[in-house]
Amino acid sequence: MKNLGVYMAVFFLLYSGIMFWESLSMDYYSEYGPGPGMLPRWVSGLTFVFSIIYLVISLKKDIILFSRILPKGEGLINVLVCAGSFILFIIIAPLLGFLIGSTITLFLLFMRGYKWYWSLGLSASISFIVFWVFGILLQVPLPVNDLGW
């Protein structure tokens, strides 16, 4: 079966079912009004119902094939490079720190459209600005190396 709609409907059925089950462990009401379990219970319940409706529609008439969704040629290479650089960042950021990891990742992404010196300059600048704003100004804990960056 190559119908992407069926796979997505089943995925959201499972996801919303798990979220609904987890929301049952939270209080629906609190002493001041709606509790922390009200919104997740309603959202996951509605998502579950809409997923069933979408599953029926996908099985009957709305067939979406994988081959129509995925790009071909250069577009597919761009998608793979983007996904690969994301995975690379997840692997190297804890080891090398946010600043070096994001510079390497952005450099690989920018190399597809810019010359190497522009790619290096842009990636280093953007990484430093993001590190400065989030790590220093806002005090968001970012992964750092032994040097603190």
C-alpha atoms as a PDB file:
ATOM      1  CA  MET A   1       0.000   0.000   0.000  1.00  0.00           C
ATOM      2  CA  LYS A   2       1.520   3.286  -1.131  1.00  0.00           C
ATOM      3  CA  ASN A   3      -1.136   5.670   0.187  1.00  0.00           C
ATOM      4  CA  LEU A   4       0.600   8.297   2.321  1.00  0.00           C
ATOM      5  CA  GLY A   5      -2.719   9.532   3.731  1.00  0.00           C
ATOM      6  CA  VAL A   6      -3.367   6.187   5.425  1.00  0.00           C
ATOM      7  CA  TYR A   7       0.060   6.172   7.068  1.00  0.00           C
ATOM      8  CA  MET A   8      -0.358   9.740   8.328  1.00  0.00           C
ATOM      9  CA  ALA A   9      -3.854   9.016   9.655  1.00  0.00           C
ATOM     10  CA  VAL A  10      -2.607   5.953  11.533  1.00  0.00           C
ATOM     11  CA  PHE A  11       0.344   7.936  12.910  1.00  0.00           C
ATOM     12  CA  PHE A  12      -1.931  10.671  14.239  1.00  0.00           C
ATOM     13  CA  LEU A  13      -4.361   8.080  15.602  1.00  0.00           C
ATOM     14  CA  LEU A  14      -1.567   6.509  17.633  1.00  0.00           C
ATOM     15  CA  TYR A  15      -0.110   9.853  18.682  1.00  0.00           C
ATOM     16  CA  SER A  16      -3.442  11.319  19.787  1.00  0.00           C
ATOM     17  CA  GLY A  17      -4.364   8.090  21.565  1.00  0.00           C
ATOM     18  CA  ILE A  18      -1.143   8.193  23.580  1.00  0.00           C
ATOM     19  CA  MET A  19      -1.615  11.893  24.362  1.00  0.00           C
ATOM     20  CA  PHE A  20      -5.219  11.262  25.446  1.00  0.00           C
ATOM     21  CA  TRP A  21      -4.109   8.417  27.689  1.00  0.00           C
ATOM     22  CA  GLU A  22      -1.433  10.618  29.261  1.00  0.00           C
ATOM     23  CA  SER A  23      -3.881  13.485  29.758  1.00  0.00           C
ATOM     24  CA  LEU A  24      -6.042  11.225  31.902  1.00  0.00           C
ATOM     25  CA  SER A  25      -3.321  11.316  34.560  1.00  0.00           C
ATOM     26  CA  MET A  26      -3.759  15.102  34.930  1.00  0.00           C
ATOM     27  CA  ASP A  27      -6.582  16.852  36.762  1.00  0.00           C
ATOM     28  CA  TYR A  28      -9.429  17.997  34.532  1.00  0.00           C
ATOM     29  CA  TYR A  29     -10.551  20.583  37.097  1.00  0.00           C
ATOM     30  CA  SER A  30      -8.615  22.515  39.702  1.00  0.00           C
ATOM     31  CA  GLU A  31      -9.915  24.599  42.564  1.00  0.00           C
ATOM     32  CA  TYR A  32      -9.727  27.727  40.381  1.00  0.00           C
ATOM     33  CA  GLY A  33     -11.268  26.359  37.187  1.00  0.00           C
ATOM     34  CA  PRO A  34      -9.966  24.232  34.322  1.00  0.00           C
ATOM     35  CA  GLY A  35      -7.036  22.054  35.297  1.00  0.00           C
ATOM     36  CA  PRO A  36      -3.895  21.084  33.408  1.00  0.00           C
ATOM     37  CA  GLY A  37      -5.581  18.041  31.856  1.00  0.00           C
ATOM     38  CA  MET A  38      -8.462  19.835  30.158  1.00  0.00           C
ATOM     39  CA  LEU A  39      -6.717  21.236  27.074  1.00  0.00           C
ATOM     40  CA  PRO A  40      -4.623  18.158  26.228  1.00  0.00           C
ATOM     41  CA  ARG A  41      -7.650  15.911  26.684  1.00  0.00           C
ATOM     42  CA  TRP A  42      -9.816  17.944  24.334  1.00  0.00           C
ATOM     43  CA  VAL A  43      -7.111  18.540  21.724  1.00  0.00           C
ATOM     44  CA  SER A  44      -6.005  14.901  21.636  1.00  0.00           C
ATOM     45  CA  GLY A  45      -9.626  13.711  21.603  1.00  0.00           C
ATOM     46  CA  LEU A  46     -10.485  15.954  18.661  1.00  0.00           C
ATOM     47  CA  THR A  47      -7.293  14.936  16.869  1.00  0.00           C
ATOM     48  CA  PHE A  48      -8.272  11.291  17.357  1.00  0.00           C
ATOM     49  CA  VAL A  49     -11.751  11.889  15.883  1.00  0.00           C
ATOM     50  CA  PHE A  50     -10.388  13.879  12.930  1.00  0.00           C
ATOM     51  CA  SER A  51      -7.769  11.188  12.298  1.00  0.00           C
ATOM     52  CA  ILE A  52     -10.481   8.552  12.034  1.00  0.00           C
ATOM     53  CA  ILE A  53     -12.384  10.745   9.576  1.00  0.00           C
ATOM     54  CA  TYR A  54      -9.225  11.321   7.547  1.00  0.00           C
ATOM     55  CA  LEU A  55      -8.441   7.595   7.575  1.00  0.00           C
ATOM     56  CA  VAL A  56     -11.864   6.811   6.101  1.00  0.00           C
ATOM     57  CA  ILE A  57     -11.450   9.511   3.452  1.00  0.00           C
ATOM     58  CA  SER A  58      -7.933   8.272   2.607  1.00  0.00           C
ATOM     59  CA  LEU A  59      -9.106   4.691   2.234  1.00  0.00           C
ATOM     60  CA  LYS A  60     -12.077   5.581   0.029  1.00  0.00           C
ATOM     61  CA  LYS A  61     -11.090   8.305  -2.397  1.00  0.00           C
ATOM     62  CA  ASP A  62      -8.224  10.648  -1.498  1.00  0.00           C
ATOM     63  CA  ILE A  63      -5.144   8.657  -2.500  1.00  0.00           C
ATOM     64  CA  ILE A  64      -1.839  10.444  -2.011  1.00  0.00           C
ATOM     65  CA  LEU A  65       1.140   8.547  -3.388  1.00  0.00           C
ATOM     66  CA  PHE A  66       4.655   8.770  -1.953  1.00  0.00           C
ATOM     67  CA  SER A  67       6.032   9.380  -5.447  1.00  0.00           C
ATOM     68  CA  ARG A  68       3.959  12.564  -5.831  1.00  0.00           C
ATOM     69  CA  ILE A  69       5.128  13.993  -2.497  1.00  0.00           C
ATOM     70  CA  LEU A  70       8.885  13.471  -2.633  1.00  0.00           C
ATOM     71  CA  PRO A  71      10.881  15.866  -4.813  1.00  0.00           C
ATOM     72  CA  LYS A  72      13.144  14.605  -7.545  1.00  0.00           C
ATOM     73  CA  GLY A  73      16.641  15.553  -8.642  1.00  0.00           C
ATOM     74  CA  GLU A  74      18.094  18.683  -7.059  1.00  0.00           C
ATOM     75  CA  GLY A  75      15.135  19.092  -4.715  1.00  0.00           C
ATOM     76  CA  LEU A  76      15.653  15.619  -3.273  1.00  0.00           C
ATOM     77  CA  ILE A  77      19.347  16.352  -2.740  1.00  0.00           C
ATOM     78  CA  ASN A  78      18.429  19.586  -0.914  1.00  0.00           C
ATOM     79  CA  VAL A  79      16.018  17.704   1.361  1.00  0.00           C
ATOM     80  CA  LEU A  80      18.625  15.035   2.128  1.00  0.00           C
ATOM     81  CA  VAL A  81      21.351  17.603   2.837  1.00  0.00           C
ATOM     82  CA  CYS A  82      19.018  19.506   5.153  1.00  0.00           C
ATOM     83  CA  ALA A  83      18.007  16.348   7.048  1.00  0.00           C
ATOM     84  CA  GLY A  84      21.598  15.137   7.182  1.00  0.00           C
ATOM     85  CA  SER A  85      22.887  18.432   8.546  1.00  0.00           C
ATOM     86  CA  PHE A  86      20.173  18.378  11.209  1.00  0.00           C
ATOM     87  CA  ILE A  87      21.272  14.899  12.297  1.00  0.00           C
ATOM     88  CA  LEU A  88      24.913  15.999  12.170  1.00  0.00           C
ATOM     89  CA  PHE A  89      24.145  18.956  14.452  1.00  0.00           C
ATOM     90  CA  ILE A  90      22.439  16.674  16.960  1.00  0.00           C
ATOM     91  CA  ILE A  91      25.551  14.485  17.026  1.00  0.00           C
ATOM     92  CA  ILE A  92      28.291  17.138  17.147  1.00  0.00           C
ATOM     93  CA  ALA A  93      26.690  19.880  19.283  1.00  0.00           C
ATOM     94  CA  PRO A  94      27.154  18.017  22.600  1.00  0.00           C
ATOM     95  CA  LEU A  95      30.760  17.243  21.656  1.00  0.00           C
ATOM     96  CA  LEU A  96      31.960  20.497  20.073  1.00  0.00           C
ATOM     97  CA  GLY A  97      29.492  22.953  21.589  1.00  0.00           C
ATOM     98  CA  PHE A  98      26.727  25.036  20.077  1.00  0.00           C
ATOM     99  CA  LEU A  99      28.923  27.654  18.430  1.00  0.00           C
ATOM    100  CA  ILE A 100      31.201  25.267  16.514  1.00  0.00           C
ATOM    101  CA  GLY A 101      28.432  22.757  15.799  1.00  0.00           C
ATOM    102  CA  SER A 102      26.058  25.339  14.378  1.00  0.00           C
ATOM    103  CA  THR A 103      28.852  26.949  12.353  1.00  0.00           C
ATOM    104  CA  ILE A 104      29.699  23.605  10.731  1.00  0.00           C
ATOM    105  CA  THR A 105      26.061  22.777  10.107  1.00  0.00           C
ATOM    106  CA  LEU A 106      25.211  26.160   8.620  1.00  0.00           C
ATOM    107  CA  PHE A 107      28.380  26.068   6.521  1.00  0.00           C
ATOM    108  CA  LEU A 108      27.270  22.768   4.966  1.00  0.00           C
ATOM    109  CA  LEU A 109      23.831  24.207   4.260  1.00  0.00           C
ATOM    110  CA  PHE A 110      25.121  27.499   2.840  1.00  0.00           C
ATOM    111  CA  MET A 111      27.707  25.754   0.622  1.00  0.00           C
ATOM    112  CA  ARG A 112      24.903  24.695  -1.694  1.00  0.00           C
ATOM    113  CA  GLY A 113      24.133  28.284  -2.672  1.00  0.00           C
ATOM    114  CA  TYR A 114      27.112  30.503  -1.819  1.00  0.00           C
ATOM    115  CA  LYS A 115      30.854  30.535  -2.347  1.00  0.00           C
ATOM    116  CA  TRP A 116      32.882  28.978   0.468  1.00  0.00           C
ATOM    117  CA  TYR A 117      34.054  32.272   1.989  1.00  0.00           C
ATOM    118  CA  TRP A 118      30.508  33.696   2.086  1.00  0.00           C
ATOM    119  CA  SER A 119      29.263  30.442   3.553  1.00  0.00           C
ATOM    120  CA  LEU A 120      31.906  30.482   6.274  1.00  0.00           C
ATOM    121  CA  GLY A 121      31.333  34.148   7.105  1.00  0.00           C
ATOM    122  CA  LEU A 122      27.562  33.844   7.216  1.00  0.00           C
ATOM    123  CA  SER A 123      27.578  30.651   9.246  1.00  0.00           C
ATOM    124  CA  ALA A 124      30.064  32.011  11.806  1.00  0.00           C
ATOM    125  CA  SER A 125      28.209  35.329  12.102  1.00  0.00           C
ATOM    126  CA  ILE A 126      24.778  33.801  12.485  1.00  0.00           C
ATOM    127  CA  SER A 127      26.036  31.203  14.969  1.00  0.00           C
ATOM    128  CA  PHE A 128      27.742  33.860  17.076  1.00  0.00           C
ATOM    129  CA  ILE A 129      24.677  36.133  17.080  1.00  0.00           C
ATOM    130  CA  VAL A 130      22.347  33.285  18.073  1.00  0.00           C
ATOM    131  CA  PHE A 131      24.806  32.133  20.755  1.00  0.00           C
ATOM    132  CA  TRP A 132      25.126  35.669  22.097  1.00  0.00           C
ATOM    133  CA  VAL A 133      21.368  36.332  22.161  1.00  0.00           C
ATOM    134  CA  PHE A 134      20.272  33.019  23.651  1.00  0.00           C
ATOM    135  CA  GLY A 135      23.329  31.932  25.619  1.00  0.00           C
ATOM    136  CA  ILE A 136      24.497  35.259  27.044  1.00  0.00           C
ATOM    137  CA  LEU A 137      21.585  37.723  26.978  1.00  0.00           C
ATOM    138  CA  LEU A 138      18.699  35.364  27.680  1.00  0.00           C
ATOM    139  CA  GLN A 139      20.734  32.852  29.730  1.00  0.00           C
ATOM    140  CA  VAL A 140      19.320  29.843  27.865  1.00  0.00           C
ATOM    141  CA  PRO A 141      21.530  26.824  28.565  1.00  0.00           C
ATOM    142  CA  LEU A 142      23.168  25.773  25.299  1.00  0.00           C
ATOM    143  CA  PRO A 143      25.610  22.920  24.795  1.00  0.00           C
ATOM    144  CA  VAL A 144      29.152  24.231  25.201  1.00  0.00           C
ATOM    145  CA  ASN A 145      32.604  22.717  24.856  1.00  0.00           C
ATOM    146  CA  ASP A 146      35.479  22.891  27.347  1.00  0.00           C
ATOM    147  CA  LEU A 147      36.203  26.484  26.299  1.00  0.00           C
ATOM    148  CA  GLY A 148      32.666  27.632  27.131  1.00  0.00           C
ATOM    149  CA  TRP A 149      31.490  28.019  23.546  1.00  0.00           C
END
